[in-house]
Protein backbone atom coordinates (compact mmCIF):
# COMPACT_ATOMS: atom_id res chain seq x y z
CA MET A 1 113.39 56.16 47.20
CA ILE A 2 114.48 59.96 47.27
CA CYS A 3 110.99 60.41 46.38
CA THR A 4 109.91 58.73 49.43
CA THR A 5 112.11 59.96 51.52
CA LEU A 6 111.22 63.81 50.59
CA VAL A 7 107.54 62.89 51.20
CA GLN A 8 108.37 61.52 54.67
CA ALA A 9 110.69 64.51 55.69
CA GLN A 10 107.93 66.45 54.80
CA THR A 11 105.34 65.01 56.52
CA PHE A 12 107.00 64.88 59.21
CA HIS A 13 107.52 68.53 59.18
CA LYS A 14 103.97 69.49 59.08
CA LYS A 15 103.32 67.30 61.86
CA ASP A 16 106.10 68.55 64.31
CA LEU A 17 104.25 71.72 63.56
CA GLU A 18 100.71 71.15 64.57
CA PRO A 19 101.13 70.25 68.18
CA LYS A 20 103.57 73.62 68.39
CA GLN A 21 100.73 75.97 66.84
CA ASP A 22 97.75 74.30 68.70
CA SER A 23 99.75 75.12 71.87
CA ILE A 24 100.59 78.62 70.60
CA GLU A 25 96.52 79.26 69.43
CA LYS A 26 95.70 77.72 72.62
CA LYS A 27 98.38 79.93 74.95
CA ALA A 28 96.65 83.24 73.22
CA PHE A 29 93.21 82.13 73.65
CA LEU A 30 93.90 81.28 77.54
CA LYS A 31 95.57 85.07 77.94
CA SER A 32 92.66 86.69 75.95
CA LEU A 33 90.40 85.22 78.56
CA GLY A 34 92.53 85.74 81.40
CA ASN A 35 92.11 89.82 80.26
CA GLY A 36 88.43 89.18 80.64
CA PHE A 37 88.04 88.91 76.56
CA TYR A 38 86.36 85.94 74.57
CA PRO A 39 87.70 86.36 71.03
CA THR A 40 85.68 85.81 67.99
CA LYS A 41 86.89 86.50 64.39
CA TYR A 42 86.59 90.37 64.00
CA ILE A 43 85.09 91.21 67.83
CA ASN A 44 86.43 90.39 71.13
CA LEU A 45 83.74 90.24 73.39
CA ASP A 46 84.35 91.99 76.43
CA LEU A 47 83.13 89.48 79.54
CA ARG A 48 83.34 92.45 82.42
CA TYR A 49 79.82 93.46 81.91
CA LEU A 50 77.83 90.11 81.79
CA ILE A 51 77.31 90.26 85.28
CA LYS A 52 77.85 92.07 88.37
CA PHE A 53 76.35 93.36 91.51
CA ASN A 54 76.28 96.65 93.58
CA GLN A 55 74.18 97.89 96.47
CA TYR A 56 72.53 100.63 94.52
CA GLU A 57 72.37 98.65 91.08
CA GLY A 58 71.75 95.39 92.49
CA VAL A 59 72.30 93.20 89.58
CA ARG A 60 73.69 94.54 86.43
CA THR A 61 74.30 92.66 83.29
CA GLY A 62 75.20 93.56 79.87
CA ILE A 63 77.02 92.93 77.18
CA GLY A 64 80.14 94.58 75.52
CA GLY A 65 82.81 94.18 73.25
CA GLU A 66 86.02 95.81 70.99
CA THR A 67 87.30 94.82 67.70
CA ASN A 68 90.12 92.84 67.12
CA ASP A 69 93.19 93.46 64.99
CA VAL A 70 91.95 91.02 62.36
CA PHE A 71 88.77 93.59 61.82
CA SER A 72 91.84 96.43 61.39
CA GLU A 73 94.88 97.24 62.85
CA LYS A 74 94.71 100.66 62.56
CA HIS A 75 91.60 101.57 63.90
CA ARG A 76 89.08 100.15 66.69
CA LEU A 77 85.65 100.17 68.02
CA ASN A 78 84.25 99.68 71.23
CA SER A 79 81.33 99.33 72.84
CA TYR A 80 78.74 98.18 76.06
CA VAL A 81 75.71 98.45 77.25
CA VAL A 82 74.58 97.66 80.85
CA TYR A 83 71.16 97.48 82.84
CA GLY A 84 70.57 97.51 86.54
CA PHE A 85 68.03 95.66 87.90
CA ARG A 86 67.35 98.05 91.26
CA ASP A 87 67.48 101.57 89.42
CA ARG A 88 66.48 100.39 86.39
CA ARG A 89 67.97 101.80 84.17
CA PHE A 90 70.42 101.22 80.81
CA LYS A 91 74.10 102.74 81.14
CA TYR A 92 76.14 102.38 77.97
CA SER A 93 79.38 103.79 76.07
CA ILE A 94 80.54 104.12 72.47
CA GLY A 95 83.88 104.84 71.45
CA GLY A 96 86.84 104.17 69.13
CA GLY A 97 90.39 105.28 68.50
CA PHE A 98 93.15 105.44 65.43
CA ARG A 99 96.68 104.83 65.34
CA LEU A 100 98.98 107.39 64.52
CA ALA A 101 102.63 105.14 65.05
CA GLU A 102 102.83 101.62 64.95
CA LYS A 103 106.27 101.55 66.21
CA SER A 104 105.36 103.54 69.57
CA ASN A 105 101.83 102.17 69.90
CA THR A 106 100.23 105.88 69.66
CA TRP A 107 96.39 105.71 69.67
CA ILE A 108 94.28 108.70 69.45
CA ASN A 109 90.75 107.46 71.17
CA LEU A 110 87.31 109.26 71.51
CA SER A 111 84.00 108.14 73.52
CA TYR A 112 80.79 109.02 75.10
CA THR A 113 79.82 107.29 78.11
CA ASP A 114 76.55 107.43 80.39
CA ASP A 115 77.45 104.93 83.63
CA LEU A 116 78.02 105.00 87.38
CA GLN A 117 81.01 106.02 88.92
CA GLU A 118 82.04 105.40 93.00
CA THR A 119 82.04 108.45 94.70
CA GLY A 120 85.91 109.14 96.37
CA SER A 121 87.56 106.63 93.46
CA ALA A 122 90.37 107.72 91.56
CA LYS A 123 91.83 105.94 88.79
CA PHE A 124 95.42 105.96 86.58
CA LEU A 125 95.21 106.87 83.02
CA THR A 126 98.30 104.46 82.22
CA ASP A 127 96.62 101.45 84.29
CA LYS A 128 96.94 98.54 81.91
CA ARG A 129 93.32 96.76 81.85
CA PHE A 130 92.80 94.46 84.77
CA PHE A 131 90.04 91.45 84.82
CA GLN A 132 88.61 89.68 87.83
CA PHE A 133 85.83 86.79 87.30
CA PHE A 134 84.33 88.62 90.08
CA GLU A 135 85.11 91.84 91.82
CA PRO A 136 84.52 91.65 95.61
CA ARG A 137 84.84 95.34 96.75
CA LEU A 138 81.93 96.17 93.99
CA LEU A 139 79.85 93.88 96.19
CA ASN A 140 79.22 96.44 98.76
CA ILE A 141 79.69 99.80 97.15
CA ASP A 142 76.68 102.19 97.66
CA LEU A 143 78.31 105.66 96.88
CA PHE A 144 77.71 106.30 93.40
CA HIS A 145 77.45 109.00 91.16
CA LYS A 146 75.62 109.52 87.67
CA HIS A 147 78.13 110.61 84.57
CA ILE A 148 77.82 111.48 81.41
CA THR A 149 81.24 111.73 79.91
CA LYS A 150 82.40 112.93 76.68
CA SER A 151 86.77 112.35 76.17
CA ILE A 152 89.60 112.63 73.88
CA SER A 153 92.76 110.53 74.73
CA LEU A 154 96.03 109.83 73.78
CA GLU A 155 98.17 106.91 74.86
CA HIS A 156 101.92 106.47 73.86
CA THR A 157 104.54 103.85 74.71
CA LEU A 158 108.00 104.56 74.60
CA GLY A 159 109.98 100.90 74.84
CA SER A 160 109.20 98.68 77.52
CA LYS A 161 109.75 101.05 80.47
CA LEU A 162 107.32 104.19 79.66
CA LEU A 163 104.03 104.91 78.86
CA LEU A 164 102.40 107.92 78.57
CA GLY A 165 98.75 109.28 78.66
CA SER A 166 96.84 112.43 78.53
CA GLU A 167 92.75 112.96 78.38
CA PHE A 168 90.58 116.08 77.97
CA ALA A 169 87.10 115.33 78.90
CA THR A 170 83.74 117.21 79.90
CA SER A 171 81.73 115.67 82.57
CA LYS A 172 78.11 116.09 83.89
CA ILE A 173 77.74 114.63 87.40
CA ASP A 174 74.61 113.96 89.64
CA PRO A 175 74.87 112.08 92.60
CA THR A 176 72.80 109.39 93.06
CA TYR A 177 73.09 110.19 97.18
CA ALA A 178 71.63 113.51 98.98
CA TYR A 179 74.40 115.91 98.50
CA THR A 180 75.20 119.74 98.49
CA PHE A 181 78.88 121.34 97.46
CA ASP A 182 78.84 124.31 99.20
CA LEU A 183 80.85 127.66 97.97
CA LYS A 184 79.19 130.24 99.74
CA ASP A 185 78.40 132.29 96.90
CA GLU A 186 76.27 129.12 95.14
CA ASN A 187 75.25 125.58 95.88
CA PHE A 188 75.82 122.60 93.44
CA GLU A 189 73.69 119.12 93.89
CA THR A 190 74.66 118.82 90.09
CA TYR A 191 77.43 120.13 88.11
CA ASP A 192 79.40 120.08 85.18
CA ILE A 193 83.48 119.46 84.89
CA THR A 194 85.40 119.82 82.11
CA ALA A 195 88.83 118.44 83.00
CA ALA A 196 92.74 117.65 81.50
CA LYS A 197 94.68 114.74 82.33
CA ILE A 198 98.13 113.68 81.69
CA ALA A 199 100.00 110.56 83.21
CA ILE A 200 103.47 108.77 83.34
CA GLN A 201 104.13 105.55 83.84
CA TRP A 202 107.85 104.48 84.64
CA SER A 203 109.13 100.61 84.69
CA PRO A 204 112.67 101.24 84.88
CA PHE A 205 113.47 97.24 85.16
CA ASN A 206 110.76 95.84 82.47
CA ASN A 207 112.31 94.23 79.63
CA LEU A 208 110.67 92.94 76.64
CA ILE A 209 110.95 89.10 75.69
CA ILE A 210 110.01 86.98 72.51
CA THR A 211 107.55 84.63 73.01
CA ASP A 212 106.72 81.38 71.15
CA SER A 213 104.19 82.98 69.01
CA GLU A 214 107.23 85.78 68.14
CA GLN A 215 105.38 88.56 69.55
CA PRO A 216 107.23 90.56 71.62
CA GLU A 217 105.76 90.88 75.65
CA HIS A 218 106.70 92.62 78.90
CA SER A 219 108.83 91.03 81.44
CA GLU A 220 107.65 92.88 84.36
CA GLY A 221 110.21 94.51 86.87
CA TYR A 222 110.43 96.49 90.06
CA PRO A 223 109.74 99.12 91.56
CA GLN A 224 107.48 100.72 88.97
CA PHE A 225 106.55 104.38 89.52
CA THR A 226 102.98 106.13 88.21
CA LEU A 227 102.45 109.84 88.35
CA GLN A 228 99.26 111.68 87.05
CA TYR A 229 97.80 115.59 87.17
CA THR A 230 94.55 116.41 86.55
CA LYS A 231 93.82 120.33 86.19
CA SER A 232 89.76 121.16 85.81
CA PHE A 233 88.74 124.39 84.11
CA LYS A 234 85.85 126.67 85.14
CA ASN A 235 83.78 128.59 82.39
CA ILE A 236 85.25 126.29 79.74
CA LEU A 237 82.62 124.27 78.05
CA ASN A 238 80.63 124.58 81.45
CA GLY A 239 82.82 123.58 83.88
CA ASN A 240 81.68 124.98 87.60
CA PHE A 241 84.76 124.34 89.39
CA ASN A 242 88.54 125.18 89.39
CA PHE A 243 90.34 122.42 91.40
CA SER A 244 94.03 120.62 90.53
CA LYS A 245 94.80 116.92 91.93
CA LEU A 246 98.53 115.20 91.75
CA ASP A 247 98.51 111.36 92.55
CA PHE A 248 101.63 109.07 92.50
CA ARG A 249 101.87 105.41 93.04
CA THR A 250 104.29 103.17 93.56
CA ILE A 251 104.99 99.32 93.55
CA TYR A 252 107.70 97.36 94.63
CA LYS A 253 108.24 93.46 94.96
CA ILE A 254 110.97 91.72 96.37
CA GLY A 255 111.49 87.83 96.03
CA ASN A 256 110.78 85.63 93.61
CA GLU A 257 106.83 84.63 93.20
CA THR A 258 107.29 81.22 92.96
CA ASP A 259 108.61 81.23 96.43
CA ALA A 260 108.10 83.58 99.04
CA PHE A 261 107.76 87.36 98.29
CA SER A 262 106.71 90.79 99.70
CA GLU A 263 104.84 93.51 97.77
CA ILE A 264 104.75 97.16 98.69
CA THR A 265 102.06 99.45 97.60
CA LEU A 266 102.50 103.16 98.40
CA VAL A 267 99.74 105.28 96.86
CA SER A 268 99.24 108.93 97.57
CA GLY A 269 96.71 112.03 96.24
CA PHE A 270 96.11 115.57 96.47
CA ALA A 271 93.64 118.03 95.99
CA ILE A 272 93.19 122.15 96.10
CA GLY A 273 90.48 124.16 94.83
CA GLU A 274 86.68 123.70 94.49
CA THR A 275 86.97 119.91 94.54
CA PRO A 276 83.43 118.13 95.03
CA LEU A 277 83.09 115.17 97.50
CA THR A 278 82.77 113.03 93.89
CA HIS A 279 86.49 113.55 93.08
CA LEU A 280 88.10 113.25 96.10
CA TYR A 281 89.58 110.60 97.80
CA HIS A 282 88.38 107.45 100.41
CA ALA A 283 91.35 104.90 101.37
CA TYR A 284 89.63 102.01 99.14
CA PRO A 285 87.18 100.95 102.16
CA ASN A 286 85.87 97.54 102.03
CA ASN A 287 83.42 96.97 105.47
CA ILE A 288 79.56 97.14 105.18
CA THR A 289 77.79 99.29 107.65
CA LYS A 290 76.26 96.33 109.89
CA GLU A 291 75.86 95.62 113.83
CA LYS A 292 76.83 91.91 113.73
CA ILE A 293 80.47 90.21 111.84
CA LEU A 294 78.59 87.36 110.44
CA GLN A 295 76.46 90.18 108.51
CA ARG A 296 79.56 91.85 107.23
CA PHE A 297 80.85 88.82 106.08
CA SER A 298 81.18 89.35 102.59
CA VAL A 299 84.59 88.87 100.18
CA ALA A 300 87.90 90.63 100.72
CA GLY A 301 89.37 93.07 98.00
CA LEU A 302 92.82 92.78 96.39
CA ASN A 303 94.19 96.17 98.40
CA SER A 304 91.15 97.69 100.06
CA PHE A 305 91.08 98.37 103.93
CA GLU A 306 88.92 95.40 105.21
CA THR A 307 87.87 97.03 108.43
CA MET A 308 86.91 100.54 107.38
CA PHE A 309 83.44 101.13 106.49
CA PHE A 310 82.28 102.47 103.56
CA ASN A 311 81.78 106.43 103.40
CA GLU A 312 83.59 106.45 107.14
CA PHE A 313 86.35 108.57 105.81
CA PHE A 314 86.82 111.18 103.15
CA SER A 315 90.36 113.28 101.94
CA ASP A 316 91.46 115.77 100.06
CA ARG A 317 95.06 114.79 100.93
CA PHE A 318 95.98 111.28 101.69
CA ALA A 319 98.58 108.34 101.75
CA THR A 320 97.97 104.64 101.95
CA ILE A 321 100.93 102.12 102.23
CA GLN A 322 100.14 98.49 102.36
CA PHE A 323 102.63 95.46 102.86
CA LYS A 324 102.12 92.18 102.13
CA HIS A 325 103.90 88.81 102.49
CA TYR A 326 103.47 85.77 100.42
CA LEU A 327 104.92 82.39 102.12
CA LYS A 328 105.58 80.08 100.20
CA PRO A 329 102.23 77.99 99.00
CA PHE A 330 101.68 75.13 100.85
CA ASN A 331 101.88 71.41 98.94
CA VAL A 332 99.39 69.42 100.94
CA SER A 333 98.72 67.75 97.23
CA LYS A 334 98.81 68.12 93.68
CA THR A 335 95.30 69.94 93.71
CA LEU A 336 95.27 71.93 97.10
CA LYS A 337 98.52 74.25 97.96
CA PRO A 338 97.23 77.02 100.02
CA GLN A 339 99.31 79.83 100.57
CA LEU A 340 99.17 82.53 104.02
CA VAL A 341 99.85 86.14 103.37
CA LEU A 342 100.31 88.56 106.13
CA ILE A 343 98.99 92.08 105.75
CA THR A 344 99.40 95.50 107.33
CA ARG A 345 98.24 98.41 106.02
CA TYR A 346 98.01 102.04 106.66
CA ALA A 347 96.23 105.15 105.94
CA ILE A 348 96.37 109.04 106.64
CA GLY A 349 94.88 111.80 105.26
CA ASP A 350 92.81 115.34 106.19
CA MET A 351 90.46 117.64 104.52
CA LYS A 352 90.70 121.29 104.36
CA TYR A 353 87.08 122.37 103.92
CA PRO A 354 84.81 119.35 105.05
CA GLU A 355 82.33 122.54 105.56
CA ARG A 356 81.84 122.52 101.98
CA HIS A 357 80.23 118.79 101.95
CA GLN A 358 76.71 119.01 102.85
CA LYS A 359 74.12 116.63 103.82
CA ILE A 360 76.76 113.73 104.33
CA THR A 361 79.13 113.21 107.38
CA PHE A 362 82.29 111.45 107.54
CA GLY A 363 85.14 111.29 109.39
CA SER A 364 88.94 112.59 109.04
CA LEU A 365 92.29 110.06 108.71
CA GLU A 366 94.15 112.71 110.19
CA LYS A 367 95.55 110.34 113.36
CA GLY A 368 96.55 107.60 110.98
CA TYR A 369 94.65 104.42 110.57
CA THR A 370 96.05 100.88 111.08
CA GLU A 371 94.84 97.37 110.26
CA SER A 372 96.94 94.45 109.82
CA GLY A 373 96.06 90.70 109.27
CA PHE A 374 96.45 87.54 107.36
CA GLU A 375 94.78 85.89 104.22
CA LEU A 376 94.73 82.13 103.70
CA ASN A 377 94.13 81.78 99.94
CA LYS A 378 93.39 78.87 97.55
CA LEU A 379 92.18 76.57 100.39
CA PHE A 380 88.94 75.28 97.78
CA TYR A 381 88.42 76.16 94.02
CA GLY A 382 90.21 79.60 94.63
CA PHE A 383 88.72 80.53 97.54
CA GLY A 384 90.18 80.80 101.31
CA LEU A 385 89.46 83.14 104.26
CA SER A 386 90.90 86.67 105.72
CA PHE A 387 91.07 87.85 108.70
CA THR A 388 92.14 91.58 109.74
CA TYR A 389 91.67 93.85 113.08
CA ARG A 390 91.42 97.53 113.22
CA TYR A 391 94.06 99.07 115.97
CA GLY A 392 95.36 101.98 117.07
CA THR A 393 93.90 105.71 117.31
CA TYR A 394 90.89 104.75 115.09
CA HIS A 395 90.10 101.55 117.32
CA LEU A 396 86.52 101.37 118.04
CA PRO A 397 84.94 100.68 121.57
CA ASN A 398 83.16 97.11 120.76
CA ILE A 399 85.87 94.80 119.57
CA GLU A 400 84.02 92.78 117.20
CA ASP A 401 83.74 96.12 114.92
CA ASN A 402 87.19 95.91 114.76
CA ILE A 403 86.94 93.12 113.28
CA ALA A 404 86.50 91.99 109.29
CA PHE A 405 86.42 87.80 108.73
CA LYS A 406 85.68 87.57 104.97
CA PHE A 407 86.30 85.28 102.00
CA THR A 408 88.86 85.37 99.55
CA PHE A 409 88.64 84.81 95.61
CA ASN A 410 92.13 84.13 93.53
CA VAL A 411 91.87 82.82 90.46
CA SER A 412 94.53 83.01 87.51
CA LEU A 413 94.59 81.05 83.93
């Protein structure tokens, strides 16, 4: 009798644990997919490189991946290779890293990359990995520069509130468009840049939480602050220019995401010295230069200026502020819960030496650029609609040129 009861208790205990374990594994799998990885035993395949499209490469497709903790908890390898069908060229990257300290998650990384980068774009070293099934704004970009970059970087965390990153890199830059950087004593159509970066992200209201998998995760709090400094060096490892850049971003959310809430994002940048156009700033425009509204109909980005035309403005100092107010989703049915988002964006900027940038024309943001509108998201399988209107100083004479009417796409796992 005692033996029978013991066996029954053990059987019950085993059956009781199996659904919980399956749930944890399913949750981990979905989280991995949400981050853009398809996990296998030793390698996580990177879904970001499967297929993309832009105006320069056309269809861009390839494969990438990185080793996981089963392969090694102290070492990692990562690589990708892609091919652009319009420019008929392979691009690739290979890299790896090793962990110096487990408690602070300190890693040293090395990489070699031969690829394209959007001119005027800026990225923070501390930005966490971000994945979308497709990147709406990427569809419309046409101004890229080729770069061959060798880099060594260090990443380090201090609890849940502080993230540090640093990088030293050399890059060979070759714009894919007609461009000359005129410094009077010498003109550059291609050039080398040797630069160091240091970044810090401070999230004072983040907290650590323990999940069902017993692995600590971050509960994000707001506001969050990110600051990055870049310094390039002339005559070091063939570097052609001396310049400095300081970039700042803060994000603040008010309210609960399960109800109505607001989000405010402030981004600013400042560059001084001999800074080529490739390393200056745009305000993340997302409007195609076409004559009719329907010809410009595309997909809205997440934080881009929808009425601002590509390559319309460049700055060596700029600031943007974006306000979004998310209304509580409308509970139409179990599967249909659209959400209305009210949006206002403002950008201001200037350039000290526009005459240095030859063979390309662009405007200044010194008078301040404003657009407002709304999104009605998740109307059908993640798709919605966006309407934005450009007004103020940079309002255009033709009314329809101030209007952006687009799809939106929002899917979360």
